Amino acid sequence: MNRWPILVATLAVDLIALSLGWWWVIPLTGLAVAAAVPGRAAFTAMLAGTLMAGAASLVWQGGARTLDVADLTGAIALNTRGLGWAVVAATLVYIVLLAVAGAWLGAAVRRAGAGIRATGVADVEPVTEPLEERKDQHV
């Protein structure tokens, strides 16, 4: 599958969600992409779209003063000036980690669904013996 539609869709959905303050959409986007499209190309396209959306959202909301705001945040949190770049980097890493967590869950859902689709049922044995005998087996 071509990775450009995944990149553009991820970028659009994540950018809209981040502009509204809906950070929780990022793992949902990762989950949806990984559950629907297997493969490393789709995963890297989703991560690139998420990273671009996160960076664009930071610049869009902070404007030309993005690093100044990040520097102030770093000064408040770490009691030192000049670490605005580290605050921006940590924010982008956190955004990517949210997407990776969602993708991991989406891949697990896809694999579990494939196992159920292949057999038609989940691997569950029917209970044919009385409950008392089953308790004795697990003690």
Protein backbone atom coordinates (compact mmCIF):
# COMPACT_ATOMS: atom_id res chain seq x y z
CA MET A 1 0.00 0.00 0.00
CA ASN A 2 1.13 3.51 -0.74
CA ARG A 3 2.21 5.33 2.40
CA TRP A 4 1.33 8.87 1.26
CA PRO A 5 -2.42 8.57 1.96
CA ILE A 6 -1.64 7.28 5.46
CA LEU A 7 0.80 10.12 6.09
CA VAL A 8 -1.63 12.80 4.86
CA ALA A 9 -4.61 11.32 6.74
CA THR A 10 -2.63 10.99 9.96
CA LEU A 11 -1.30 14.52 9.59
CA ALA A 12 -4.78 15.94 9.01
CA VAL A 13 -6.52 14.04 11.81
CA ASP A 14 -3.78 14.66 14.37
CA LEU A 15 -3.40 18.33 13.45
CA ILE A 16 -7.13 18.97 13.78
CA ALA A 17 -7.27 17.06 17.06
CA LEU A 18 -4.23 18.83 18.53
CA SER A 19 -5.56 22.23 17.51
CA LEU A 20 -8.70 21.43 19.51
CA GLY A 21 -6.65 20.17 22.47
CA TRP A 22 -7.70 16.56 21.95
CA TRP A 23 -4.34 14.89 22.61
CA TRP A 24 -6.05 11.53 23.21
CA VAL A 25 -6.85 11.24 19.48
CA ILE A 26 -3.17 10.57 18.75
CA PRO A 27 -3.16 7.03 20.23
CA LEU A 28 -6.54 6.38 18.60
CA THR A 29 -5.08 7.34 15.22
CA GLY A 30 -2.14 5.00 15.79
CA LEU A 31 -4.53 2.25 16.82
CA ALA A 32 -6.69 2.73 13.72
CA VAL A 33 -3.74 2.73 11.31
CA ALA A 34 -2.05 -0.31 12.84
CA ALA A 35 -5.30 -2.26 13.08
CA ALA A 36 -6.25 -1.53 9.47
CA VAL A 37 -2.93 -1.61 7.62
CA PRO A 38 -0.13 -4.02 8.53
CA GLY A 39 3.48 -3.30 7.72
CA ARG A 40 6.42 -1.14 8.54
CA ALA A 41 5.71 1.36 5.75
CA ALA A 42 2.30 2.21 7.21
CA PHE A 43 3.83 2.48 10.69
CA THR A 44 6.58 4.87 9.59
CA ALA A 45 4.09 6.95 7.58
CA MET A 46 1.84 7.19 10.65
CA LEU A 47 4.79 8.23 12.84
CA ALA A 48 5.95 10.84 10.31
CA GLY A 49 2.44 12.27 10.04
CA THR A 50 2.10 12.39 13.81
CA LEU A 51 5.47 14.09 14.24
CA MET A 52 4.68 16.68 11.58
CA ALA A 53 1.25 17.31 13.13
CA GLY A 54 2.81 17.76 16.56
CA ALA A 55 5.43 20.18 15.30
CA ALA A 56 2.90 22.13 13.24
CA SER A 57 0.54 22.31 16.22
CA LEU A 58 3.28 23.67 18.47
CA VAL A 59 4.20 26.35 15.94
CA TRP A 60 0.57 27.14 15.13
CA GLN A 61 -0.44 27.61 18.76
CA GLY A 62 2.78 29.29 19.89
CA GLY A 63 3.47 31.30 16.77
CA ALA A 64 6.83 32.98 16.54
CA ARG A 65 7.16 32.75 20.32
CA THR A 66 7.10 28.95 20.53
CA LEU A 67 10.67 28.67 21.80
CA ASP A 68 10.13 31.59 24.20
CA VAL A 69 7.11 29.86 25.72
CA ALA A 70 9.03 26.58 25.90
CA ASP A 71 11.97 28.40 27.50
CA LEU A 72 9.66 29.87 30.12
CA THR A 73 8.15 26.43 30.77
CA GLY A 74 11.63 24.98 31.16
CA ALA A 75 12.59 27.80 33.53
CA ILE A 76 9.55 27.12 35.69
CA ALA A 77 10.04 23.35 35.71
CA LEU A 78 13.84 23.15 35.92
CA ASN A 79 14.74 26.52 37.44
CA THR A 80 17.07 27.41 34.59
CA ARG A 81 16.80 29.35 31.31
CA GLY A 82 17.79 28.25 27.85
CA LEU A 83 16.19 24.81 27.76
CA GLY A 84 13.27 25.66 25.50
CA TRP A 85 14.61 23.32 22.83
CA ALA A 86 14.54 20.46 25.37
CA VAL A 87 10.90 21.19 26.25
CA VAL A 88 9.95 21.15 22.56
CA ALA A 89 11.92 17.95 22.00
CA ALA A 90 10.32 16.25 25.02
CA THR A 91 6.88 17.29 23.79
CA LEU A 92 7.50 15.82 20.35
CA VAL A 93 8.91 12.61 21.84
CA TYR A 94 5.82 12.31 24.04
CA ILE A 95 3.55 12.78 21.02
CA VAL A 96 5.40 10.04 19.13
CA LEU A 97 5.24 7.72 22.16
CA LEU A 98 1.47 8.21 22.31
CA ALA A 99 1.22 7.20 18.64
CA VAL A 100 3.48 4.17 19.18
CA ALA A 101 1.37 3.01 22.13
CA GLY A 102 -1.77 3.24 20.03
CA ALA A 103 -0.10 1.42 17.13
CA TRP A 104 1.07 -1.34 19.45
CA LEU A 105 -2.46 -1.86 20.67
CA GLY A 106 -3.81 -1.71 17.11
CA ALA A 107 -1.35 -4.37 15.96
CA ALA A 108 -2.39 -6.58 18.87
CA VAL A 109 -6.04 -6.14 17.95
CA ARG A 110 -5.27 -6.98 14.32
CA ARG A 111 -3.37 -10.14 15.29
CA ALA A 112 -6.07 -11.28 17.69
CA GLY A 113 -8.73 -10.65 15.07
CA ALA A 114 -6.75 -12.63 12.49
CA GLY A 115 -6.56 -15.61 14.84
CA ILE A 116 -10.30 -15.55 15.43
CA ARG A 117 -11.08 -15.09 11.73
CA ALA A 118 -8.84 -18.00 10.75
CA THR A 119 -10.56 -20.51 13.02
CA GLY A 120 -13.98 -18.91 13.24
CA VAL A 121 -13.93 -19.06 17.04
CA ALA A 122 -11.60 -18.20 19.86
CA ASP A 123 -9.50 -20.93 21.51
CA VAL A 124 -11.86 -21.85 24.33
CA GLU A 125 -12.52 -25.41 25.43
CA PRO A 126 -16.04 -26.35 26.46
CA VAL A 127 -16.57 -27.41 30.07
CA THR A 128 -17.80 -31.01 30.18
CA GLU A 129 -17.00 -32.06 33.73
CA PRO A 130 -18.57 -30.98 37.02
CA LEU A 131 -17.24 -27.89 38.78
CA GLU A 132 -15.94 -29.87 41.77
CA GLU A 133 -13.57 -31.87 39.58
CA ARG A 134 -12.28 -28.73 37.90
CA LYS A 135 -11.54 -27.14 41.30
CA ASP A 136 -9.47 -30.18 42.24
CA GLN A 137 -7.41 -29.85 39.08
CA HIS A 138 -6.42 -26.22 39.73
CA VAL A 139 -5.55 -26.41 43.40
